[in-house]
Amino acid sequence: MEKIRLKKCPFCGGEAILRHEHWRVDMQFDYDHDLYWVECICCKAKGSEIQVRNARYRKSMNVELGDAERKAIKAWNRREGE
């Protein structure tokens, strides 16, 4: 699959980077979150956050996390969530 190119920051023209954060909320019930967003490395402007819950416990994990990554990049490139 072709990698989607990130546009430059609309505020400062700086380079942008895809960020990812994973955390577990409840160890007893294995309730976890994956969060993706794009951020400017210069001025720290952020695009829309795309969240996936409990993907790590499903067979479709790689598809779901890949979709979330692409959605975050597309939102940044469309300038949604500013």
N, C-alpha and C. Protein backbone atom coordinates (compact mmCIF):
# COMPACT_ATOMS: atom_id res chain seq x y z
N MET A 1 0.84 -1.18 0.00
CA MET A 1 0.00 0.00 0.00
C MET A 1 0.89 1.25 0.00
N GLU A 2 0.48 2.23 -0.77
CA GLU A 2 1.26 3.45 -0.89
C GLU A 2 1.15 4.31 0.36
N LYS A 3 2.29 4.83 0.80
CA LYS A 3 2.33 5.69 1.98
C LYS A 3 1.79 7.07 1.61
N ILE A 4 0.94 7.64 2.46
CA ILE A 4 0.37 8.96 2.23
C ILE A 4 1.36 10.01 2.73
N ARG A 5 1.64 10.99 1.90
CA ARG A 5 2.58 12.06 2.25
C ARG A 5 1.88 13.13 3.08
N LEU A 6 2.54 13.58 4.14
CA LEU A 6 2.00 14.63 5.00
C LEU A 6 2.27 16.00 4.39
N LYS A 7 1.25 16.84 4.41
CA LYS A 7 1.44 18.23 3.98
C LYS A 7 2.16 19.00 5.08
N LYS A 8 2.76 20.11 4.70
CA LYS A 8 3.43 20.98 5.67
C LYS A 8 2.39 21.65 6.56
N CYS A 9 2.82 22.16 7.68
CA CYS A 9 1.94 22.82 8.64
C CYS A 9 1.31 24.07 8.00
N PRO A 10 -0.02 24.23 8.16
CA PRO A 10 -0.68 25.40 7.58
C PRO A 10 -0.38 26.69 8.35
N PHE A 11 0.17 26.58 9.54
CA PHE A 11 0.42 27.76 10.36
C PHE A 11 1.84 28.29 10.22
N CYS A 12 2.82 27.38 10.21
CA CYS A 12 4.21 27.85 10.16
C CYS A 12 4.99 27.29 8.97
N GLY A 13 4.41 26.35 8.25
CA GLY A 13 5.09 25.76 7.10
C GLY A 13 6.10 24.68 7.48
N GLY A 14 6.10 24.31 8.76
CA GLY A 14 7.05 23.30 9.25
C GLY A 14 6.66 21.89 8.84
N GLU A 15 7.58 20.97 9.09
CA GLU A 15 7.35 19.56 8.80
C GLU A 15 6.40 18.97 9.84
N ALA A 16 5.60 18.00 9.40
CA ALA A 16 4.67 17.34 10.30
C ALA A 16 5.08 15.88 10.47
N ILE A 17 4.65 15.30 11.58
CA ILE A 17 4.99 13.92 11.89
C ILE A 17 3.74 13.22 12.44
N LEU A 18 3.60 11.94 12.13
CA LEU A 18 2.51 11.14 12.67
C LEU A 18 2.90 10.70 14.08
N ARG A 19 2.01 10.90 15.02
CA ARG A 19 2.24 10.48 16.41
C ARG A 19 1.30 9.32 16.74
N HIS A 20 1.75 8.48 17.65
CA HIS A 20 0.95 7.34 18.11
C HIS A 20 1.18 7.15 19.59
N GLU A 21 0.11 6.90 20.30
CA GLU A 21 0.19 6.66 21.74
C GLU A 21 -0.69 5.46 22.05
N HIS A 22 -0.19 4.57 22.88
CA HIS A 22 -0.97 3.42 23.33
C HIS A 22 -0.94 3.39 24.84
N TRP A 23 -2.09 3.15 25.43
CA TRP A 23 -2.13 3.00 26.88
C TRP A 23 -3.24 2.05 27.27
N ARG A 24 -3.04 1.41 28.40
CA ARG A 24 -4.02 0.48 28.95
C ARG A 24 -4.70 1.18 30.12
N VAL A 25 -6.02 1.18 30.08
CA VAL A 25 -6.79 1.88 31.10
C VAL A 25 -7.05 0.99 32.31
N ASP A 26 -7.35 -0.27 32.05
CA ASP A 26 -7.74 -1.17 33.14
C ASP A 26 -7.06 -2.51 32.93
N MET A 27 -6.10 -2.84 33.76
CA MET A 27 -5.36 -4.09 33.62
C MET A 27 -6.26 -5.31 33.83
N GLN A 28 -7.27 -5.20 34.66
CA GLN A 28 -8.14 -6.33 34.95
C GLN A 28 -8.97 -6.72 33.74
N PHE A 29 -9.48 -5.74 33.01
CA PHE A 29 -10.36 -6.03 31.89
C PHE A 29 -9.68 -5.84 30.53
N ASP A 30 -8.37 -5.58 30.53
CA ASP A 30 -7.61 -5.37 29.29
C ASP A 30 -8.26 -4.34 28.39
N TYR A 31 -8.64 -3.23 28.96
CA TYR A 31 -9.27 -2.15 28.21
C TYR A 31 -8.18 -1.19 27.80
N ASP A 32 -7.93 -1.09 26.49
CA ASP A 32 -6.83 -0.23 26.06
C ASP A 32 -7.23 0.68 24.91
N HIS A 33 -6.35 1.67 24.66
CA HIS A 33 -6.60 2.67 23.63
C HIS A 33 -5.35 2.83 22.76
N ASP A 34 -5.57 3.08 21.49
CA ASP A 34 -4.52 3.53 20.59
C ASP A 34 -5.00 4.86 20.02
N LEU A 35 -4.14 5.85 20.03
CA LEU A 35 -4.49 7.18 19.57
C LEU A 35 -3.47 7.63 18.53
N TYR A 36 -3.97 8.12 17.40
CA TYR A 36 -3.12 8.62 16.31
C TYR A 36 -3.48 10.07 16.02
N TRP A 37 -2.46 10.88 15.72
CA TRP A 37 -2.67 12.26 15.29
C TRP A 37 -1.41 12.72 14.58
N VAL A 38 -1.54 13.80 13.84
CA VAL A 38 -0.39 14.40 13.17
C VAL A 38 -0.09 15.71 13.88
N GLU A 39 1.20 15.99 14.05
CA GLU A 39 1.63 17.17 14.78
C GLU A 39 2.78 17.85 14.05
N CYS A 40 2.78 19.16 14.04
CA CYS A 40 3.89 19.92 13.47
C CYS A 40 5.08 19.86 14.43
N ILE A 41 6.26 19.57 13.92
CA ILE A 41 7.42 19.48 14.80
C ILE A 41 7.97 20.85 15.20
N CYS A 42 7.52 21.90 14.51
CA CYS A 42 7.98 23.25 14.84
C CYS A 42 7.07 23.96 15.84
N CYS A 43 5.80 24.13 15.46
CA CYS A 43 4.89 24.92 16.31
C CYS A 43 3.94 24.06 17.14
N LYS A 44 3.99 22.74 16.97
CA LYS A 44 3.18 21.78 17.75
C LYS A 44 1.68 21.83 17.44
N ALA A 45 1.29 22.41 16.30
CA ALA A 45 -0.12 22.36 15.88
C ALA A 45 -0.51 20.90 15.71
N LYS A 46 -1.75 20.55 16.08
CA LYS A 46 -2.20 19.17 16.03
C LYS A 46 -3.41 19.03 15.12
N GLY A 47 -3.48 17.89 14.44
CA GLY A 47 -4.65 17.54 13.66
C GLY A 47 -5.62 16.73 14.51
N SER A 48 -6.66 16.24 13.89
CA SER A 48 -7.68 15.44 14.59
C SER A 48 -7.07 14.19 15.19
N GLU A 49 -7.55 13.82 16.38
CA GLU A 49 -7.11 12.59 17.02
C GLU A 49 -8.06 11.46 16.62
N ILE A 50 -7.48 10.35 16.19
CA ILE A 50 -8.25 9.18 15.81
C ILE A 50 -7.97 8.11 16.85
N GLN A 51 -9.01 7.64 17.51
CA GLN A 51 -8.86 6.69 18.60
C GLN A 51 -9.43 5.33 18.23
N VAL A 52 -8.72 4.29 18.63
CA VAL A 52 -9.18 2.91 18.45
C VAL A 52 -9.15 2.26 19.82
N ARG A 53 -10.25 1.60 20.17
CA ARG A 53 -10.32 0.94 21.48
C ARG A 53 -10.25 -0.57 21.32
N ASN A 54 -9.43 -1.18 22.15
CA ASN A 54 -9.31 -2.64 22.25
C ASN A 54 -8.96 -3.34 20.94
N ALA A 55 -8.30 -2.68 20.03
CA ALA A 55 -7.93 -3.31 18.75
C ALA A 55 -6.92 -4.44 18.97
N ARG A 56 -6.12 -4.35 19.99
CA ARG A 56 -5.06 -5.33 20.21
C ARG A 56 -5.59 -6.71 20.59
N TYR A 57 -6.88 -6.84 20.80
CA TYR A 57 -7.46 -8.12 21.18
C TYR A 57 -8.29 -8.73 20.06
N ARG A 58 -8.18 -8.15 18.86
CA ARG A 58 -8.93 -8.68 17.72
C ARG A 58 -7.97 -9.09 16.61
N LYS A 59 -8.40 -10.04 15.82
CA LYS A 59 -7.57 -10.51 14.70
C LYS A 59 -7.36 -9.41 13.67
N SER A 60 -8.27 -8.46 13.61
CA SER A 60 -8.18 -7.38 12.64
C SER A 60 -7.34 -6.20 13.15
N MET A 61 -6.53 -6.42 14.16
CA MET A 61 -5.77 -5.34 14.80
C MET A 61 -4.97 -4.52 13.79
N ASN A 62 -4.17 -5.17 12.95
CA ASN A 62 -3.32 -4.43 12.02
C ASN A 62 -4.14 -3.60 11.05
N VAL A 63 -5.28 -4.12 10.61
CA VAL A 63 -6.15 -3.37 9.69
C VAL A 63 -6.74 -2.16 10.41
N GLU A 64 -7.24 -2.35 11.61
CA GLU A 64 -7.85 -1.26 12.37
C GLU A 64 -6.85 -0.15 12.70
N LEU A 65 -5.66 -0.53 13.14
CA LEU A 65 -4.65 0.47 13.48
C LEU A 65 -4.13 1.17 12.23
N GLY A 66 -4.00 0.43 11.13
CA GLY A 66 -3.60 1.04 9.86
C GLY A 66 -4.64 2.03 9.37
N ASP A 67 -5.92 1.68 9.52
CA ASP A 67 -7.00 2.60 9.13
C ASP A 67 -6.96 3.88 9.97
N ALA A 68 -6.73 3.74 11.26
CA ALA A 68 -6.66 4.90 12.14
C ALA A 68 -5.50 5.81 11.74
N GLU A 69 -4.38 5.21 11.40
CA GLU A 69 -3.21 5.99 10.96
C GLU A 69 -3.54 6.76 9.69
N ARG A 70 -4.15 6.11 8.72
CA ARG A 70 -4.50 6.78 7.47
C ARG A 70 -5.54 7.88 7.69
N LYS A 71 -6.49 7.66 8.58
CA LYS A 71 -7.51 8.68 8.86
C LYS A 71 -6.87 9.92 9.49
N ALA A 72 -5.92 9.73 10.39
CA ALA A 72 -5.25 10.87 11.02
C ALA A 72 -4.47 11.68 9.98
N ILE A 73 -3.80 10.99 9.07
CA ILE A 73 -3.04 11.67 8.02
C ILE A 73 -3.97 12.40 7.07
N LYS A 74 -5.05 11.75 6.66
CA LYS A 74 -6.00 12.40 5.75
C LYS A 74 -6.65 13.61 6.39
N ALA A 75 -6.97 13.52 7.69
CA ALA A 75 -7.56 14.66 8.40
C ALA A 75 -6.58 15.84 8.42
N TRP A 76 -5.32 15.56 8.66
CA TRP A 76 -4.30 16.62 8.65
C TRP A 76 -4.20 17.24 7.27
N ASN A 77 -4.15 16.41 6.27
CA ASN A 77 -4.00 16.92 4.90
C ASN A 77 -5.23 17.69 4.43
N ARG A 78 -6.42 17.38 4.96
CA ARG A 78 -7.63 18.13 4.64
C ARG A 78 -7.82 19.31 5.58
N ARG A 79 -7.02 19.38 6.60
CA ARG A 79 -7.06 20.46 7.59
C ARG A 79 -8.29 20.40 8.47
N GLU A 80 -8.77 19.18 8.75
CA GLU A 80 -9.90 19.03 9.67
C GLU A 80 -9.39 19.09 11.10
N GLY A 81 -10.22 19.59 11.96
CA GLY A 81 -9.90 19.60 13.38
C GLY A 81 -9.00 20.74 13.80
N GLU A 82 -8.86 21.77 12.98
CA GLU A 82 -8.00 22.90 13.36
C GLU A 82 -8.79 23.93 14.11
